[in-house]
Amino acid sequence: MHVVKSISRLFILTVSICVISACETNREEVMALGKKSTMPSLTGKGVTMLYSDSTILKIKLTTPQMQKYENTKEPMTIMPKGLFVIFYDQNGKESTTLKSDYGVRYETTKRMEVKYNVEVVNVNGEKLNTEHLIWDEQKKKIISDDFVKITTAKEIIMGKGLEANQDFTQYEIKEVTGTIRVEDNQL
């Protein structure tokens, strides 16, 4: 009986030491946690942004929610609830639209990444659908390495990867996986 009590006390002592040492808090880890969670420097709801060049409207971006992070390694603007962009040609006429369920614009590299239900429609009515797209503002190109589907008046083209000009009037699918011809009244 005395041996059982001694073993029980030893077991409880061992478990207690393990629990106490497992609860030890590292001060540096706690301080680092506070640094990892960066708060946005600017937030907005129902935001519309207009970009112009020499008084000519070039881009109109609308988003239900925007978060701007300026105090990060790469300053960025996040649109967590989606966005809708209208691109205008040199005459100020609407040429292309882009919409998605999520977007982030990297300020330094002038690059926008959009994800989830991405749709681009050009002036000819040709439509691109994908889940991920990068718009390089400096090169004036849109790029995707994911599955893409392009719907035109006469066909539906599917593939993996795409490179196109900014207004989506010239494009190249990297790996075409299928083409479907469409009769006149099927779209």
Protein backbone atom coordinates (compact mmCIF):
# COMPACT_ATOMS: atom_id res chain seq x y z
CA MET A 1 0.00 0.00 0.00
CA HIS A 2 2.86 2.33 0.92
CA VAL A 3 4.55 1.51 -2.43
CA VAL A 4 1.35 2.39 -4.35
CA LYS A 5 1.14 5.79 -2.60
CA SER A 6 4.82 6.46 -3.38
CA ILE A 7 4.32 5.56 -7.05
CA SER A 8 1.16 7.71 -7.18
CA ARG A 9 2.99 10.68 -5.66
CA LEU A 10 5.92 10.19 -8.04
CA PHE A 11 3.53 10.02 -11.01
CA ILE A 12 1.69 13.18 -9.91
CA LEU A 13 5.00 14.99 -9.33
CA THR A 14 6.27 13.96 -12.80
CA VAL A 15 3.05 15.05 -14.52
CA SER A 16 3.10 18.38 -12.62
CA ILE A 17 6.67 19.10 -13.68
CA CYS A 18 5.81 18.30 -17.32
CA VAL A 19 2.76 20.57 -17.24
CA ILE A 20 4.64 23.43 -15.58
CA SER A 21 7.55 23.23 -18.02
CA ALA A 22 5.15 23.01 -20.99
CA CYS A 23 3.50 26.26 -19.88
CA GLU A 24 6.75 28.20 -19.95
CA THR A 25 6.41 31.33 -22.06
CA ASN A 26 9.24 32.60 -24.19
CA ARG A 27 9.22 36.43 -24.03
CA GLU A 28 10.74 36.81 -27.52
CA GLU A 29 8.03 34.62 -29.04
CA VAL A 30 5.29 36.69 -27.41
CA MET A 31 6.89 39.95 -28.59
CA ALA A 32 7.23 38.55 -32.13
CA LEU A 33 3.52 37.68 -32.21
CA GLY A 34 2.64 41.36 -31.78
CA LYS A 35 4.92 42.30 -34.66
CA LYS A 36 3.46 39.70 -37.04
CA SER A 37 -0.09 41.02 -36.89
CA THR A 38 0.15 44.25 -38.86
CA MET A 39 -2.88 46.48 -38.83
CA PRO A 40 -3.91 48.37 -41.97
CA SER A 41 -2.89 52.02 -42.04
CA LEU A 42 -6.06 52.89 -43.96
CA THR A 43 -9.39 51.11 -44.42
CA GLY A 44 -12.46 51.95 -46.42
CA LYS A 45 -15.87 50.60 -47.40
CA GLY A 46 -17.62 51.23 -50.71
CA VAL A 47 -14.44 52.64 -52.28
CA THR A 48 -14.20 54.01 -55.84
CA MET A 49 -10.77 54.99 -57.15
CA LEU A 50 -10.13 56.83 -60.41
CA TYR A 51 -6.76 56.82 -62.18
CA SER A 52 -6.13 59.35 -64.92
CA ASP A 53 -3.25 60.45 -67.12
CA SER A 54 -3.20 63.99 -68.50
CA THR A 55 -6.84 64.45 -67.42
CA ILE A 56 -7.94 61.37 -69.40
CA LEU A 57 -9.61 58.69 -67.30
CA LYS A 58 -7.66 55.41 -67.59
CA ILE A 59 -9.00 53.15 -64.81
CA LYS A 60 -11.98 53.08 -62.48
CA LEU A 61 -11.77 50.61 -59.59
CA THR A 62 -14.64 49.92 -57.20
CA THR A 63 -14.52 47.61 -54.19
CA PRO A 64 -16.81 46.99 -51.21
CA GLN A 65 -13.84 46.94 -48.82
CA MET A 66 -10.23 48.12 -49.04
CA GLN A 67 -7.30 47.79 -46.61
CA LYS A 68 -4.07 49.69 -47.24
CA TYR A 69 -0.86 48.46 -45.57
CA GLU A 70 1.95 51.02 -45.81
CA ASN A 71 4.21 49.86 -42.94
CA THR A 72 5.11 46.49 -44.44
CA LYS A 73 8.11 45.25 -46.40
CA GLU A 74 6.05 45.59 -49.61
CA PRO A 75 3.30 48.23 -49.22
CA MET A 76 0.03 46.80 -50.51
CA THR A 77 -3.67 47.41 -50.87
CA ILE A 78 -5.95 44.43 -50.22
CA MET A 79 -9.53 44.14 -51.48
CA PRO A 80 -10.77 41.11 -49.51
CA LYS A 81 -14.38 41.28 -50.72
CA GLY A 82 -13.65 41.62 -54.42
CA LEU A 83 -13.29 44.35 -56.98
CA PHE A 84 -14.56 45.59 -60.32
CA VAL A 85 -12.23 47.48 -62.67
CA ILE A 86 -13.06 49.35 -65.87
CA PHE A 87 -10.17 50.15 -68.22
CA TYR A 88 -10.56 53.04 -70.66
CA ASP A 89 -8.84 53.53 -74.02
CA GLN A 90 -6.90 56.64 -75.11
CA ASN A 91 -10.19 58.33 -76.09
CA GLY A 92 -11.71 57.76 -72.64
CA LYS A 93 -14.08 55.01 -73.83
CA GLU A 94 -14.59 51.79 -71.85
CA SER A 95 -12.43 49.05 -73.35
CA THR A 96 -12.06 46.21 -70.83
CA THR A 97 -13.53 45.11 -67.50
CA LEU A 98 -12.06 42.91 -64.80
CA LYS A 99 -13.81 41.49 -61.77
CA SER A 100 -12.84 39.04 -59.05
CA ASP A 101 -13.74 38.01 -55.50
CA TYR A 102 -10.34 39.03 -54.05
CA GLY A 103 -7.51 41.33 -55.03
CA VAL A 104 -4.21 42.71 -53.78
CA ARG A 105 -2.15 45.49 -55.36
CA TYR A 106 1.57 45.68 -54.60
CA GLU A 107 2.55 49.35 -54.61
CA THR A 108 6.31 49.06 -55.18
CA THR A 109 6.23 46.56 -58.05
CA LYS A 110 3.02 48.01 -59.57
CA ARG A 111 1.46 44.56 -59.79
CA MET A 112 -2.10 43.46 -59.01
CA GLU A 113 -3.01 39.89 -58.19
CA VAL A 114 -6.67 38.84 -58.38
CA LYS A 115 -8.17 35.52 -57.33
CA TYR A 116 -11.42 33.58 -57.28
CA ASN A 117 -14.04 33.91 -60.02
CA VAL A 118 -11.85 36.16 -62.14
CA GLU A 119 -13.51 37.46 -65.29
CA VAL A 120 -12.04 39.76 -67.94
CA VAL A 121 -14.18 41.02 -70.83
CA ASN A 122 -12.64 43.00 -73.70
CA VAL A 123 -14.14 45.53 -76.13
CA ASN A 124 -14.94 42.69 -78.60
CA GLY A 125 -16.99 40.82 -76.00
CA GLU A 126 -14.39 38.07 -75.59
CA LYS A 127 -14.44 36.74 -72.03
CA LEU A 128 -11.63 35.21 -69.96
CA ASN A 129 -12.46 33.13 -66.87
CA THR A 130 -9.83 31.87 -64.44
CA GLU A 131 -9.16 31.55 -60.71
CA HIS A 132 -5.90 33.50 -60.60
CA LEU A 133 -4.52 36.37 -62.65
CA ILE A 134 -1.64 38.84 -62.34
CA TRP A 135 -1.81 42.28 -63.94
CA ASP A 136 1.64 43.81 -64.40
CA GLU A 137 0.96 47.53 -64.71
CA GLN A 138 4.49 48.42 -65.86
CA LYS A 139 4.60 45.84 -68.66
CA LYS A 140 0.88 46.36 -69.40
CA LYS A 141 0.32 42.59 -69.44
CA ILE A 142 -1.98 40.11 -67.76
CA ILE A 143 -0.61 36.69 -66.89
CA SER A 144 -1.97 33.45 -65.46
CA ASP A 145 -0.42 30.04 -64.87
CA ASP A 146 -3.77 28.46 -63.92
CA PHE A 147 -6.63 26.98 -65.93
CA VAL A 148 -8.15 29.54 -68.31
CA LYS A 149 -11.29 29.57 -70.42
CA ILE A 150 -11.80 32.09 -73.20
CA THR A 151 -15.25 32.48 -74.71
CA THR A 152 -15.50 34.22 -78.10
CA ALA A 153 -18.39 34.60 -80.51
CA LYS A 154 -17.38 31.40 -82.35
CA GLU A 155 -15.55 29.18 -79.86
CA ILE A 156 -14.61 28.33 -76.30
CA ILE A 157 -10.89 27.75 -75.77
CA MET A 158 -9.55 26.12 -72.62
CA GLY A 159 -6.00 25.77 -71.46
CA LYS A 160 -3.39 26.20 -68.78
CA GLY A 161 -1.59 29.51 -68.58
CA LEU A 162 -2.09 32.73 -70.49
CA GLU A 163 -0.27 35.88 -71.43
CA ALA A 164 -2.16 38.85 -72.86
CA ASN A 165 -1.91 42.57 -73.35
CA GLN A 166 -3.58 44.76 -70.73
CA ASP A 167 -6.78 45.33 -72.71
CA PHE A 168 -7.08 41.59 -73.51
CA THR A 169 -7.33 42.11 -77.28
CA GLN A 170 -4.23 39.99 -77.99
CA TYR A 171 -3.63 36.82 -76.01
CA GLU A 172 -1.80 33.52 -76.09
CA ILE A 173 -2.80 30.40 -74.17
CA LYS A 174 0.34 28.49 -73.14
CA GLU A 175 -1.12 24.95 -73.13
CA VAL A 176 -4.39 24.59 -75.04
CA THR A 177 -6.35 21.65 -73.63
CA GLY A 178 -9.48 21.97 -75.75
CA THR A 179 -11.50 24.02 -78.20
CA ILE A 180 -15.26 23.90 -78.67
CA ARG A 181 -16.84 25.43 -81.75
CA VAL A 182 -20.05 27.28 -80.99
CA GLU A 183 -23.01 27.63 -83.31
CA ASP A 184 -24.32 31.18 -83.83
CA ASN A 185 -27.14 31.15 -81.26
CA GLN A 186 -25.64 28.94 -78.52
CA LEU A 187 -23.95 31.67 -76.42
